[in-house]
C-alpha atoms as a PDB file:
ATOM      1  CA  UNK A   1       0.088   0.024   0.059  1.00  0.00           C
ATOM      2  CA  UNK A   2       2.859   2.403   0.799  1.00  0.00           C
ATOM      3  CA  UNK A   3       4.559   1.654  -2.452  1.00  0.00           C
ATOM      4  CA  UNK A   4       1.362   2.409  -4.292  1.00  0.00           C
ATOM      5  CA  UNK A   5       1.106   5.769  -2.640  1.00  0.00           C
ATOM      6  CA  UNK A   6       4.688   6.619  -3.462  1.00  0.00           C
ATOM      7  CA  UNK A   7       4.260   5.562  -7.011  1.00  0.00           C
ATOM      8  CA  UNK A   8       1.059   7.608  -7.458  1.00  0.00           C
ATOM      9  CA  UNK A   9       2.679  10.626  -5.846  1.00  0.00           C
ATOM     10  CA  UNK A  10       5.794  10.478  -8.052  1.00  0.00           C
ATOM     11  CA  UNK A  11       3.702   9.955 -11.256  1.00  0.00           C
ATOM     12  CA  UNK A  12       1.509  12.907 -10.299  1.00  0.00           C
ATOM     13  CA  UNK A  13       4.592  15.054  -9.846  1.00  0.00           C
ATOM     14  CA  UNK A  14       6.158  14.011 -13.093  1.00  0.00           C
ATOM     15  CA  UNK A  15       2.930  14.525 -15.062  1.00  0.00           C
ATOM     16  CA  UNK A  16       2.543  17.981 -13.406  1.00  0.00           C
ATOM     17  CA  UNK A  17       6.125  18.995 -14.214  1.00  0.00           C
ATOM     18  CA  UNK A  18       6.388  17.434 -17.677  1.00  0.00           C
ATOM     19  CA  UNK A  19       4.575  20.166 -19.570  1.00  0.00           C
ATOM     20  CA  UNK A  20       6.596  22.783 -17.801  1.00  0.00           C
ATOM     21  CA  UNK A  21       9.799  21.218 -19.126  1.00  0.00           C
ATOM     22  CA  UNK A  22       8.667  21.755 -22.637  1.00  0.00           C
ATOM     23  CA  UNK A  23       8.778  25.550 -22.034  1.00  0.00           C
ATOM     24  CA  UNK A  24      12.569  25.049 -21.502  1.00  0.00           C
ATOM     25  CA  UNK A  25      12.933  24.506 -25.201  1.00  0.00           C
ATOM     26  CA  UNK A  26      15.112  27.299 -26.729  1.00  0.00           C
ATOM     27  CA  UNK A  27      13.999  29.246 -29.795  1.00  0.00           C
ATOM     28  CA  UNK A  28      17.271  27.963 -31.521  1.00  0.00           C
ATOM     29  CA  UNK A  29      16.192  24.611 -32.867  1.00  0.00           C
ATOM     30  CA  UNK A  30      18.580  21.757 -31.930  1.00  0.00           C
ATOM     31  CA  UNK A  31      18.936  20.811 -35.633  1.00  0.00           C
ATOM     32  CA  UNK A  32      20.184  24.387 -36.348  1.00  0.00           C
ATOM     33  CA  UNK A  33      22.758  24.517 -33.454  1.00  0.00           C
ATOM     34  CA  UNK A  34      26.297  25.024 -34.834  1.00  0.00           C
ATOM     35  CA  UNK A  35      29.564  25.273 -32.917  1.00  0.00           C
ATOM     36  CA  UNK A  36      29.098  29.095 -33.166  1.00  0.00           C
ATOM     37  CA  UNK A  37      25.779  29.324 -31.433  1.00  0.00           C
ATOM     38  CA  UNK A  38      26.026  26.236 -29.179  1.00  0.00           C
ATOM     39  CA  UNK A  39      26.973  28.259 -26.110  1.00  0.00           C
ATOM     40  CA  UNK A  40      23.921  30.624 -26.787  1.00  0.00           C
ATOM     41  CA  UNK A  41      21.647  27.645 -27.078  1.00  0.00           C
ATOM     42  CA  UNK A  42      22.968  26.027 -23.862  1.00  0.00           C
ATOM     43  CA  UNK A  43      22.622  29.358 -22.027  1.00  0.00           C
ATOM     44  CA  UNK A  44      19.069  29.680 -23.258  1.00  0.00           C
ATOM     45  CA  UNK A  45      18.152  26.254 -22.060  1.00  0.00           C
ATOM     46  CA  UNK A  46      19.573  26.855 -18.582  1.00  0.00           C
ATOM     47  CA  UNK A  47      17.868  30.298 -18.244  1.00  0.00           C
ATOM     48  CA  UNK A  48      14.506  28.816 -19.150  1.00  0.00           C
ATOM     49  CA  UNK A  49      14.890  25.877 -16.769  1.00  0.00           C
ATOM     50  CA  UNK A  50      15.711  28.357 -14.037  1.00  0.00           C
ATOM     51  CA  UNK A  51      12.878  30.734 -14.878  1.00  0.00           C
ATOM     52  CA  UNK A  52      10.100  28.117 -15.464  1.00  0.00           C
ATOM     53  CA  UNK A  53      11.043  25.399 -13.018  1.00  0.00           C
ATOM     54  CA  UNK A  54      13.647  26.311 -10.333  1.00  0.00           C
ATOM     55  CA  UNK A  55      12.364  29.768  -9.384  1.00  0.00           C
ATOM     56  CA  UNK A  56       8.682  28.705  -9.064  1.00  0.00           C
ATOM     57  CA  UNK A  57       9.652  25.727  -6.966  1.00  0.00           C
ATOM     58  CA  UNK A  58      11.902  27.865  -4.820  1.00  0.00           C
ATOM     59  CA  UNK A  59       9.073  30.494  -4.270  1.00  0.00           C
ATOM     60  CA  UNK A  60       6.492  27.713  -3.549  1.00  0.00           C
ATOM     61  CA  UNK A  61       8.791  25.949  -1.047  1.00  0.00           C
ATOM     62  CA  UNK A  62       9.561  29.262   0.603  1.00  0.00           C
ATOM     63  CA  UNK A  63       5.904  29.956   0.986  1.00  0.00           C
ATOM     64  CA  UNK A  64       5.232  26.620   2.444  1.00  0.00           C
ATOM     65  CA  UNK A  65       8.080  26.986   4.880  1.00  0.00           C
ATOM     66  CA  UNK A  66       6.660  30.282   6.272  1.00  0.00           C
ATOM     67  CA  UNK A  67       3.098  28.813   6.447  1.00  0.00           C
ATOM     68  CA  UNK A  68       4.659  25.700   8.251  1.00  0.00           C
ATOM     69  CA  UNK A  69       6.393  28.002  10.763  1.00  0.00           C
ATOM     70  CA  UNK A  70       3.255  30.026  11.290  1.00  0.00           C
ATOM     71  CA  UNK A  71       1.298  26.778  12.002  1.00  0.00           C
ATOM     72  CA  UNK A  72       3.987  25.659  14.497  1.00  0.00           C
ATOM     73  CA  UNK A  73       3.707  29.106  16.210  1.00  0.00           C
ATOM     74  CA  UNK A  74      -0.067  28.941  16.398  1.00  0.00           C
ATOM     75  CA  UNK A  75      -0.081  25.303  17.677  1.00  0.00           C
ATOM     76  CA  UNK A  76       2.711  25.958  20.224  1.00  0.00           C
ATOM     77  CA  UNK A  77       0.166  27.345  22.782  1.00  0.00           C
ATOM     78  CA  UNK A  78       2.846  28.841  24.923  1.00  0.00           C
ATOM     79  CA  UNK A  79       5.144  25.738  25.176  1.00  0.00           C
ATOM     80  CA  UNK A  80       8.671  26.977  25.133  1.00  0.00           C
ATOM     81  CA  UNK A  81      10.004  23.892  23.316  1.00  0.00           C
ATOM     82  CA  UNK A  82       7.466  24.187  20.584  1.00  0.00           C
ATOM     83  CA  UNK A  83       7.974  27.914  20.244  1.00  0.00           C
ATOM     84  CA  UNK A  84      11.688  27.324  19.773  1.00  0.00           C
ATOM     85  CA  UNK A  85      10.987  24.748  17.146  1.00  0.00           C
ATOM     86  CA  UNK A  86       8.767  27.208  15.336  1.00  0.00           C
ATOM     87  CA  UNK A  87      11.400  29.988  15.659  1.00  0.00           C
ATOM     88  CA  UNK A  88      14.036  27.565  14.134  1.00  0.00           C
ATOM     89  CA  UNK A  89      11.660  26.820  11.194  1.00  0.00           C
ATOM     90  CA  UNK A  90      11.155  30.525  10.580  1.00  0.00           C
ATOM     91  CA  UNK A  91      14.851  31.199  10.773  1.00  0.00           C
ATOM     92  CA  UNK A  92      15.627  28.490   8.368  1.00  0.00           C
ATOM     93  CA  UNK A  93      13.132  29.784   5.938  1.00  0.00           C
ATOM     94  CA  UNK A  94      14.632  33.163   6.036  1.00  0.00           C
ATOM     95  CA  UNK A  95      18.110  31.721   5.642  1.00  0.00           C
ATOM     96  CA  UNK A  96      16.932  29.635   2.605  1.00  0.00           C
ATOM     97  CA  UNK A  97      15.440  32.695   0.921  1.00  0.00           C
ATOM     98  CA  UNK A  98      18.569  34.779   1.682  1.00  0.00           C
ATOM     99  CA  UNK A  99      20.788  32.090   0.078  1.00  0.00           C
ATOM    100  CA  UNK A 100      18.440  31.827  -2.975  1.00  0.00           C
ATOM    101  CA  UNK A 101      18.352  35.578  -3.516  1.00  0.00           C
ATOM    102  CA  UNK A 102      22.161  35.861  -2.930  1.00  0.00           C
ATOM    103  CA  UNK A 103      22.635  33.292  -5.662  1.00  0.00           C
ATOM    104  CA  UNK A 104      20.362  35.083  -8.075  1.00  0.00           C
ATOM    105  CA  UNK A 105      22.274  38.382  -7.351  1.00  0.00           C
ATOM    106  CA  UNK A 106      25.613  36.704  -7.838  1.00  0.00           C
ATOM    107  CA  UNK A 107      24.656  35.395 -11.262  1.00  0.00           C
ATOM    108  CA  UNK A 108      23.486  38.861 -12.214  1.00  0.00           C
ATOM    109  CA  UNK A 109      26.620  40.496 -10.879  1.00  0.00           C
ATOM    110  CA  UNK A 110      28.947  38.019 -12.661  1.00  0.00           C
ATOM    111  CA  UNK A 111      26.999  38.687 -16.048  1.00  0.00           C
ATOM    112  CA  UNK A 112      27.426  42.397 -15.515  1.00  0.00           C
ATOM    113  CA  UNK A 113      31.230  41.938 -14.747  1.00  0.00           C
ATOM    114  CA  UNK A 114      31.815  39.607 -17.683  1.00  0.00           C
ATOM    115  CA  UNK A 115      29.610  41.617 -19.970  1.00  0.00           C
ATOM    116  CA  UNK A 116      27.312  38.758 -20.924  1.00  0.00           C
END
Protein backbone atom coordinates (compact mmCIF):
# COMPACT_ATOMS: atom_id res chain seq x y z
CA UNK A 1 0.00 0.00 0.00
CA UNK A 2 2.83 2.38 0.88
CA UNK A 3 4.64 1.68 -2.43
CA UNK A 4 1.45 2.39 -4.35
CA UNK A 5 1.08 5.78 -2.63
CA UNK A 6 4.69 6.64 -3.44
CA UNK A 7 4.25 5.55 -7.06
CA UNK A 8 1.06 7.58 -7.47
CA UNK A 9 2.69 10.63 -5.88
CA UNK A 10 5.78 10.41 -8.10
CA UNK A 11 3.66 9.87 -11.21
CA UNK A 12 1.53 12.90 -10.31
CA UNK A 13 4.59 15.07 -9.80
CA UNK A 14 6.14 13.93 -13.08
CA UNK A 15 2.94 14.51 -15.03
CA UNK A 16 2.55 17.92 -13.44
CA UNK A 17 6.12 19.01 -14.21
CA UNK A 18 6.38 17.42 -17.66
CA UNK A 19 4.50 20.17 -19.55
CA UNK A 20 6.62 22.80 -17.81
CA UNK A 21 9.82 21.20 -19.09
CA UNK A 22 8.71 21.79 -22.66
CA UNK A 23 8.81 25.50 -21.93
CA UNK A 24 12.56 25.11 -21.52
CA UNK A 25 12.91 24.60 -25.26
CA UNK A 26 15.06 27.31 -26.73
CA UNK A 27 14.00 29.26 -29.84
CA UNK A 28 17.17 27.98 -31.54
CA UNK A 29 16.20 24.55 -32.85
CA UNK A 30 18.54 21.73 -31.90
CA UNK A 31 18.95 20.82 -35.59
CA UNK A 32 20.19 24.35 -36.33
CA UNK A 33 22.76 24.47 -33.51
CA UNK A 34 26.26 25.04 -34.82
CA UNK A 35 29.49 25.38 -32.92
CA UNK A 36 29.12 29.16 -33.16
CA UNK A 37 25.75 29.33 -31.41
CA UNK A 38 25.97 26.20 -29.20
CA UNK A 39 26.92 28.27 -26.15
CA UNK A 40 23.96 30.60 -26.75
CA UNK A 41 21.62 27.60 -27.12
CA UNK A 42 22.92 26.05 -23.86
CA UNK A 43 22.64 29.37 -22.00
CA UNK A 44 19.08 29.76 -23.26
CA UNK A 45 18.11 26.27 -22.03
CA UNK A 46 19.63 26.89 -18.58
CA UNK A 47 17.88 30.27 -18.25
CA UNK A 48 14.52 28.81 -19.20
CA UNK A 49 14.89 25.92 -16.75
CA UNK A 50 15.74 28.41 -14.01
CA UNK A 51 12.86 30.74 -14.90
CA UNK A 52 10.14 28.13 -15.46
CA UNK A 53 11.10 25.35 -13.02
CA UNK A 54 13.65 26.28 -10.36
CA UNK A 55 12.38 29.73 -9.34
CA UNK A 56 8.69 28.77 -9.11
CA UNK A 57 9.59 25.72 -7.01
CA UNK A 58 11.85 27.91 -4.83
CA UNK A 59 9.08 30.45 -4.28
CA UNK A 60 6.52 27.71 -3.56
CA UNK A 61 8.76 25.97 -1.02
CA UNK A 62 9.55 29.32 0.62
CA UNK A 63 5.87 30.11 1.05
CA UNK A 64 5.20 26.61 2.40
CA UNK A 65 8.04 27.00 4.93
CA UNK A 66 6.60 30.28 6.23
CA UNK A 67 3.13 28.76 6.45
CA UNK A 68 4.58 25.76 8.31
CA UNK A 69 6.42 28.05 10.74
CA UNK A 70 3.18 29.98 11.32
CA UNK A 71 1.29 26.76 12.01
CA UNK A 72 3.98 25.74 14.47
CA UNK A 73 3.73 29.11 16.23
CA UNK A 74 -0.06 28.89 16.46
CA UNK A 75 -0.05 25.30 17.66
CA UNK A 76 2.70 25.90 20.25
CA UNK A 77 0.18 27.31 22.77
CA UNK A 78 2.88 28.83 24.92
CA UNK A 79 5.08 25.71 25.16
CA UNK A 80 8.69 27.01 25.10
CA UNK A 81 9.99 23.90 23.30
CA UNK A 82 7.45 24.16 20.51
CA UNK A 83 7.97 27.93 20.21
CA UNK A 84 11.72 27.28 19.87
CA UNK A 85 11.02 24.74 17.12
CA UNK A 86 8.76 27.22 15.33
CA UNK A 87 11.38 29.95 15.65
CA UNK A 88 14.01 27.63 14.15
CA UNK A 89 11.68 26.83 11.22
CA UNK A 90 11.16 30.55 10.60
CA UNK A 91 14.90 31.29 10.81
CA UNK A 92 15.73 28.47 8.37
CA UNK A 93 13.07 29.76 5.96
CA UNK A 94 14.65 33.22 6.06
CA UNK A 95 18.14 31.73 5.61
CA UNK A 96 16.94 29.68 2.61
CA UNK A 97 15.40 32.71 0.94
CA UNK A 98 18.53 34.76 1.63
CA UNK A 99 20.77 32.12 0.04
CA UNK A 100 18.47 31.83 -2.99
CA UNK A 101 18.38 35.58 -3.51
CA UNK A 102 22.14 35.83 -2.97
CA UNK A 103 22.65 33.23 -5.70
CA UNK A 104 20.36 35.13 -8.07
CA UNK A 105 22.19 38.41 -7.39
CA UNK A 106 25.59 36.71 -7.77
CA UNK A 107 24.66 35.40 -11.23
CA UNK A 108 23.50 38.88 -12.27
CA UNK A 109 26.65 40.47 -10.92
CA UNK A 110 28.88 37.98 -12.76
CA UNK A 111 26.99 38.62 -15.99
CA UNK A 112 27.51 42.34 -15.52
CA UNK A 113 31.20 41.95 -14.77
CA UNK A 114 31.81 39.56 -17.68
CA UNK A 115 29.60 41.58 -20.02
CA UNK A 116 27.28 38.72 -20.93
